[in-house]
Amino acid sequence: MTVAFIDAHRDRFPVAAMCRVLVFSERTFYAVKARPLSARSVSDTARRATIVVEWKANYSCYGARRLHKHLQRQGHTIARCTVARLMGDLGIRGVQRGRRQFTTHPDKTAGTATRSR
């Protein structure tokens, strides 16, 4: 998060000054920039594309469980928790049938709670 912030604002401020203000090592910033992408992030990039294509091919209805089963049938080896995590990152979700059930109904005439000190 800090590296992304520094990288986004390095055209306006020097990296050394931002690192000093944010109490972040300048050496760490450059080490993170030089480090290659992790295996998980590389595989996630490819999997995101697959998930979006298959989710749209199924009318954008499938949730994580059903999409995971569909991907398994298609021959993609991917864990259900990974499908759920990537769907959350992409901001896509399955369709929920029916209405949400509310177990309580708020009293519109009641005042709000205030905290006294």
N, C-alpha and C. Protein backbone atom coordinates (compact mmCIF):
# COMPACT_ATOMS: atom_id res chain seq x y z
N MET A 1 0.82 -1.18 0.00
CA MET A 1 0.00 0.00 0.00
C MET A 1 0.87 1.25 0.00
N THR A 2 1.88 1.28 0.85
CA THR A 2 2.77 2.43 0.92
C THR A 2 3.58 2.56 -0.36
N VAL A 3 4.04 1.43 -0.88
CA VAL A 3 4.83 1.44 -2.12
C VAL A 3 3.99 1.98 -3.27
N ALA A 4 2.73 1.57 -3.34
CA ALA A 4 1.85 2.04 -4.40
C ALA A 4 1.61 3.55 -4.28
N PHE A 5 1.48 4.04 -3.04
CA PHE A 5 1.27 5.48 -2.82
C PHE A 5 2.50 6.26 -3.26
N ILE A 6 3.67 5.80 -2.84
CA ILE A 6 4.90 6.49 -3.21
C ILE A 6 5.10 6.47 -4.72
N ASP A 7 4.82 5.33 -5.32
CA ASP A 7 4.99 5.20 -6.77
C ASP A 7 4.02 6.11 -7.53
N ALA A 8 2.82 6.28 -7.00
CA ALA A 8 1.82 7.12 -7.66
C ALA A 8 2.16 8.61 -7.57
N HIS A 9 2.90 8.99 -6.52
CA HIS A 9 3.18 10.42 -6.30
C HIS A 9 4.65 10.78 -6.52
N ARG A 10 5.42 9.90 -7.10
CA ARG A 10 6.86 10.17 -7.25
C ARG A 10 7.14 11.23 -8.30
N ASP A 11 6.16 11.55 -9.16
CA ASP A 11 6.38 12.62 -10.13
C ASP A 11 6.24 14.00 -9.48
N ARG A 12 5.56 14.08 -8.34
CA ARG A 12 5.35 15.36 -7.66
C ARG A 12 6.35 15.61 -6.54
N PHE A 13 6.76 14.51 -5.84
CA PHE A 13 7.66 14.65 -4.69
C PHE A 13 8.81 13.66 -4.83
N PRO A 14 9.96 13.98 -4.26
CA PRO A 14 11.07 13.02 -4.30
C PRO A 14 10.76 11.80 -3.44
N VAL A 15 11.25 10.66 -3.87
CA VAL A 15 11.00 9.41 -3.15
C VAL A 15 11.59 9.47 -1.75
N ALA A 16 12.78 10.02 -1.62
CA ALA A 16 13.44 10.08 -0.31
C ALA A 16 12.60 10.90 0.68
N ALA A 17 12.04 12.00 0.23
CA ALA A 17 11.24 12.84 1.12
C ALA A 17 9.95 12.12 1.54
N MET A 18 9.31 11.46 0.60
CA MET A 18 8.07 10.74 0.95
C MET A 18 8.36 9.59 1.91
N CYS A 19 9.46 8.89 1.69
CA CYS A 19 9.82 7.79 2.59
C CYS A 19 10.10 8.31 3.99
N ARG A 20 10.75 9.46 4.09
CA ARG A 20 11.04 10.05 5.40
C ARG A 20 9.76 10.43 6.12
N VAL A 21 8.81 11.05 5.41
CA VAL A 21 7.55 11.49 6.02
C VAL A 21 6.69 10.29 6.42
N LEU A 22 6.67 9.26 5.59
CA LEU A 22 5.85 8.08 5.86
C LEU A 22 6.53 7.07 6.77
N VAL A 23 7.75 7.36 7.20
CA VAL A 23 8.56 6.47 8.03
C VAL A 23 8.64 5.09 7.37
N PHE A 24 9.12 5.12 6.15
CA PHE A 24 9.24 3.92 5.33
C PHE A 24 10.63 3.94 4.72
N SER A 25 11.34 2.84 4.82
CA SER A 25 12.71 2.79 4.35
C SER A 25 12.78 2.95 2.83
N GLU A 26 13.63 3.85 2.40
CA GLU A 26 13.81 4.07 0.96
C GLU A 26 14.39 2.82 0.30
N ARG A 27 15.24 2.14 1.04
CA ARG A 27 15.85 0.91 0.54
C ARG A 27 14.78 -0.17 0.32
N THR A 28 13.82 -0.24 1.22
CA THR A 28 12.72 -1.20 1.09
C THR A 28 11.88 -0.88 -0.13
N PHE A 29 11.62 0.40 -0.37
CA PHE A 29 10.83 0.80 -1.53
C PHE A 29 11.48 0.30 -2.81
N TYR A 30 12.76 0.53 -2.97
CA TYR A 30 13.44 0.11 -4.19
C TYR A 30 13.59 -1.41 -4.26
N ALA A 31 13.68 -2.08 -3.12
CA ALA A 31 13.75 -3.55 -3.11
C ALA A 31 12.43 -4.15 -3.58
N VAL A 32 11.33 -3.58 -3.15
CA VAL A 32 10.01 -4.06 -3.57
C VAL A 32 9.82 -3.83 -5.06
N LYS A 33 10.27 -2.70 -5.56
CA LYS A 33 10.13 -2.40 -6.99
C LYS A 33 10.96 -3.35 -7.86
N ALA A 34 12.12 -3.79 -7.35
CA ALA A 34 13.01 -4.66 -8.12
C ALA A 34 12.60 -6.13 -8.02
N ARG A 35 11.80 -6.46 -7.02
CA ARG A 35 11.42 -7.85 -6.80
C ARG A 35 10.48 -8.33 -7.91
N PRO A 36 10.68 -9.56 -8.41
CA PRO A 36 9.77 -10.08 -9.44
C PRO A 36 8.39 -10.39 -8.85
N LEU A 37 7.41 -10.48 -9.71
CA LEU A 37 6.05 -10.81 -9.25
C LEU A 37 6.02 -12.20 -8.65
N SER A 38 5.19 -12.39 -7.65
CA SER A 38 5.07 -13.70 -7.02
C SER A 38 4.33 -14.66 -7.94
N ALA A 39 4.49 -15.94 -7.66
CA ALA A 39 3.82 -16.96 -8.47
C ALA A 39 2.30 -16.82 -8.34
N ARG A 40 1.84 -16.46 -7.15
CA ARG A 40 0.40 -16.30 -6.94
C ARG A 40 -0.16 -15.15 -7.77
N SER A 41 0.53 -14.03 -7.81
CA SER A 41 0.00 -12.90 -8.57
C SER A 41 0.02 -13.18 -10.07
N VAL A 42 1.02 -13.93 -10.53
CA VAL A 42 1.08 -14.29 -11.95
C VAL A 42 -0.07 -15.22 -12.31
N SER A 43 -0.31 -16.23 -11.46
CA SER A 43 -1.40 -17.17 -11.75
C SER A 43 -2.76 -16.50 -11.57
N ASP A 44 -2.87 -15.57 -10.62
CA ASP A 44 -4.13 -14.86 -10.42
C ASP A 44 -4.52 -14.04 -11.64
N THR A 45 -3.55 -13.46 -12.31
CA THR A 45 -3.83 -12.67 -13.51
C THR A 45 -4.48 -13.52 -14.59
N ALA A 46 -3.92 -14.71 -14.80
CA ALA A 46 -4.49 -15.61 -15.81
C ALA A 46 -5.85 -16.14 -15.37
N ARG A 47 -5.97 -16.44 -14.10
CA ARG A 47 -7.23 -16.99 -13.59
C ARG A 47 -8.35 -15.96 -13.60
N ARG A 48 -8.02 -14.70 -13.35
CA ARG A 48 -9.05 -13.65 -13.39
C ARG A 48 -9.71 -13.59 -14.76
N ALA A 49 -8.90 -13.68 -15.79
CA ALA A 49 -9.45 -13.63 -17.15
C ALA A 49 -10.36 -14.82 -17.41
N THR A 50 -9.94 -16.00 -16.97
CA THR A 50 -10.76 -17.20 -17.14
C THR A 50 -12.07 -17.09 -16.38
N ILE A 51 -12.01 -16.60 -15.16
CA ILE A 51 -13.21 -16.48 -14.33
C ILE A 51 -14.20 -15.51 -14.96
N VAL A 52 -13.73 -14.39 -15.44
CA VAL A 52 -14.64 -13.40 -16.04
C VAL A 52 -15.29 -13.96 -17.30
N VAL A 53 -14.50 -14.64 -18.13
CA VAL A 53 -15.05 -15.21 -19.37
C VAL A 53 -16.12 -16.25 -19.06
N GLU A 54 -15.83 -17.15 -18.14
CA GLU A 54 -16.80 -18.21 -17.82
C GLU A 54 -18.01 -17.66 -17.07
N TRP A 55 -17.81 -16.66 -16.24
CA TRP A 55 -18.92 -16.06 -15.50
C TRP A 55 -19.88 -15.37 -16.47
N LYS A 56 -19.34 -14.64 -17.44
CA LYS A 56 -20.18 -13.98 -18.43
C LYS A 56 -20.83 -14.98 -19.37
N ALA A 57 -20.14 -16.08 -19.68
CA ALA A 57 -20.70 -17.10 -20.57
C ALA A 57 -21.91 -17.79 -19.94
N ASN A 58 -21.99 -17.75 -18.61
CA ASN A 58 -23.10 -18.36 -17.90
C ASN A 58 -24.08 -17.29 -17.39
N TYR A 59 -24.26 -16.25 -18.17
CA TYR A 59 -25.24 -15.19 -17.93
C TYR A 59 -25.01 -14.43 -16.62
N SER A 60 -23.78 -14.40 -16.16
CA SER A 60 -23.40 -13.68 -14.94
C SER A 60 -24.22 -14.12 -13.74
N CYS A 61 -24.59 -15.38 -13.70
CA CYS A 61 -25.43 -15.89 -12.63
C CYS A 61 -24.66 -16.72 -11.61
N TYR A 62 -23.59 -17.34 -12.02
CA TYR A 62 -22.90 -18.29 -11.16
C TYR A 62 -22.18 -17.61 -10.01
N GLY A 63 -22.34 -18.20 -8.83
CA GLY A 63 -21.58 -17.79 -7.66
C GLY A 63 -20.27 -18.57 -7.61
N ALA A 64 -19.54 -18.43 -6.51
CA ALA A 64 -18.22 -19.05 -6.41
C ALA A 64 -18.31 -20.57 -6.45
N ARG A 65 -19.26 -21.15 -5.74
CA ARG A 65 -19.36 -22.62 -5.70
C ARG A 65 -19.70 -23.20 -7.06
N ARG A 66 -20.69 -22.64 -7.70
CA ARG A 66 -21.12 -23.16 -8.99
C ARG A 66 -20.07 -22.89 -10.08
N LEU A 67 -19.45 -21.72 -10.03
CA LEU A 67 -18.41 -21.40 -11.00
C LEU A 67 -17.20 -22.31 -10.81
N HIS A 68 -16.88 -22.64 -9.56
CA HIS A 68 -15.79 -23.56 -9.28
C HIS A 68 -16.07 -24.92 -9.91
N LYS A 69 -17.28 -25.42 -9.73
CA LYS A 69 -17.64 -26.71 -10.32
C LYS A 69 -17.58 -26.65 -11.84
N HIS A 70 -18.04 -25.55 -12.41
CA HIS A 70 -17.99 -25.38 -13.86
C HIS A 70 -16.55 -25.37 -14.37
N LEU A 71 -15.68 -24.66 -13.68
CA LEU A 71 -14.28 -24.60 -14.08
C LEU A 71 -13.61 -25.96 -13.97
N GLN A 72 -13.98 -26.73 -12.94
CA GLN A 72 -13.43 -28.08 -12.80
C GLN A 72 -13.85 -28.96 -13.98
N ARG A 73 -15.11 -28.83 -14.39
CA ARG A 73 -15.60 -29.60 -15.54
C ARG A 73 -14.89 -29.19 -16.82
N GLN A 74 -14.50 -27.92 -16.92
CA GLN A 74 -13.80 -27.42 -18.10
C GLN A 74 -12.32 -27.82 -18.11
N GLY A 75 -11.83 -28.36 -16.99
CA GLY A 75 -10.44 -28.81 -16.91
C GLY A 75 -9.49 -27.83 -16.26
N HIS A 76 -10.01 -26.77 -15.64
CA HIS A 76 -9.16 -25.81 -14.94
C HIS A 76 -8.99 -26.28 -13.50
N THR A 77 -7.75 -26.36 -13.05
CA THR A 77 -7.47 -26.75 -11.67
C THR A 77 -7.34 -25.48 -10.85
N ILE A 78 -8.36 -25.20 -10.07
CA ILE A 78 -8.40 -24.00 -9.25
C ILE A 78 -9.24 -24.29 -8.01
N ALA A 79 -8.81 -23.81 -6.87
CA ALA A 79 -9.51 -24.07 -5.62
C ALA A 79 -10.75 -23.18 -5.50
N ARG A 80 -11.75 -23.67 -4.78
CA ARG A 80 -12.99 -22.91 -4.61
C ARG A 80 -12.73 -21.61 -3.86
N CYS A 81 -11.86 -21.66 -2.86
CA CYS A 81 -11.57 -20.44 -2.10
C CYS A 81 -10.86 -19.41 -2.97
N THR A 82 -10.07 -19.87 -3.93
CA THR A 82 -9.40 -18.96 -4.86
C THR A 82 -10.41 -18.32 -5.80
N VAL A 83 -11.38 -19.10 -6.25
CA VAL A 83 -12.44 -18.55 -7.10
C VAL A 83 -13.21 -17.49 -6.33
N ALA A 84 -13.54 -17.78 -5.08
CA ALA A 84 -14.28 -16.82 -4.25
C ALA A 84 -13.46 -15.55 -4.03
N ARG A 85 -12.17 -15.69 -3.75
CA ARG A 85 -11.30 -14.53 -3.51
C ARG A 85 -11.18 -13.67 -4.76
N LEU A 86 -10.97 -14.31 -5.91
CA LEU A 86 -10.82 -13.55 -7.14
C LEU A 86 -12.13 -12.91 -7.59
N MET A 87 -13.25 -13.59 -7.35
CA MET A 87 -14.54 -12.98 -7.68
C MET A 87 -14.76 -11.74 -6.82
N GLY A 88 -14.37 -11.82 -5.56
CA GLY A 88 -14.48 -10.64 -4.70
C GLY A 88 -13.60 -9.50 -5.16
N ASP A 89 -12.37 -9.84 -5.57
CA ASP A 89 -11.46 -8.81 -6.08
C ASP A 89 -12.01 -8.16 -7.35
N LEU A 90 -12.64 -8.97 -8.19
CA LEU A 90 -13.20 -8.45 -9.45
C LEU A 90 -14.52 -7.72 -9.25
N GLY A 91 -15.13 -7.91 -8.09
CA GLY A 91 -16.41 -7.27 -7.82
C GLY A 91 -17.59 -7.95 -8.48
N ILE A 92 -17.44 -9.24 -8.77
CA ILE A 92 -18.55 -9.98 -9.38
C ILE A 92 -19.08 -10.98 -8.37
N ARG A 93 -20.35 -11.29 -8.49
CA ARG A 93 -20.98 -12.24 -7.58
C ARG A 93 -22.13 -12.92 -8.29
N GLY A 94 -22.59 -14.01 -7.69
CA GLY A 94 -23.69 -14.75 -8.27
C GLY A 94 -25.02 -14.12 -7.95
N VAL A 95 -26.03 -14.60 -8.62
CA VAL A 95 -27.38 -14.10 -8.42
C VAL A 95 -27.99 -14.80 -7.21
N GLN A 96 -28.66 -14.03 -6.36
CA GLN A 96 -29.37 -14.62 -5.21
C GLN A 96 -30.85 -14.62 -5.53
N ARG A 97 -31.45 -15.75 -5.36
CA ARG A 97 -32.87 -15.87 -5.65
C ARG A 97 -33.68 -15.46 -4.41
N GLY A 98 -34.82 -14.85 -4.65
CA GLY A 98 -35.69 -14.45 -3.55
C GLY A 98 -35.28 -13.12 -2.94
N ARG A 99 -36.07 -12.68 -1.99
CA ARG A 99 -35.79 -11.42 -1.32
C ARG A 99 -34.97 -11.67 -0.07
N ARG A 100 -34.24 -10.64 0.35
CA ARG A 100 -33.51 -10.75 1.61
C ARG A 100 -34.52 -10.74 2.74
N GLN A 101 -34.29 -11.56 3.74
CA GLN A 101 -35.19 -11.63 4.87
C GLN A 101 -34.63 -10.81 6.02
N PHE A 102 -35.43 -9.92 6.52
CA PHE A 102 -35.06 -9.12 7.68
C PHE A 102 -35.82 -9.67 8.87
N THR A 103 -35.11 -9.99 9.93
CA THR A 103 -35.76 -10.59 11.09
C THR A 103 -36.30 -9.54 12.05
N THR A 104 -35.80 -8.33 11.97
CA THR A 104 -36.31 -7.27 12.84
C THR A 104 -36.71 -6.07 11.99
N HIS A 105 -37.62 -5.29 12.50
CA HIS A 105 -38.08 -4.09 11.81
C HIS A 105 -37.79 -2.90 12.71
N PRO A 106 -37.03 -1.93 12.26
CA PRO A 106 -36.68 -0.81 13.12
C PRO A 106 -37.89 0.08 13.39
N ASP A 107 -37.93 0.65 14.57
CA ASP A 107 -38.98 1.58 14.96
C ASP A 107 -38.61 2.95 14.42
N LYS A 108 -39.37 3.45 13.48
CA LYS A 108 -39.06 4.73 12.84
C LYS A 108 -39.26 5.91 13.80
N THR A 109 -40.10 5.73 14.81
CA THR A 109 -40.38 6.84 15.73
C THR A 109 -39.36 6.92 16.85
N ALA A 110 -38.60 5.87 17.07
CA ALA A 110 -37.62 5.89 18.17
C ALA A 110 -36.43 6.77 17.80
N GLY A 111 -35.90 7.43 18.81
CA GLY A 111 -34.74 8.28 18.59
C GLY A 111 -33.48 7.44 18.47
N THR A 112 -32.42 8.07 18.04
CA THR A 112 -31.15 7.36 17.94
C THR A 112 -30.45 7.35 19.28
N ALA A 113 -29.63 6.38 19.49
CA ALA A 113 -28.90 6.27 20.75
C ALA A 113 -27.79 7.30 20.78
N THR A 114 -27.65 7.96 21.89
CA THR A 114 -26.57 8.92 22.06
C THR A 114 -25.70 8.45 23.20
N ARG A 115 -24.44 8.78 23.11
CA ARG A 115 -23.49 8.34 24.11
C ARG A 115 -23.16 9.53 24.99
N SER A 116 -23.40 9.39 26.28
CA SER A 116 -23.08 10.49 27.19
C SER A 116 -21.78 10.19 27.91
N ARG A 117 -21.06 11.24 28.20
CA ARG A 117 -19.75 11.05 28.87
C ARG A 117 -19.79 11.54 30.27
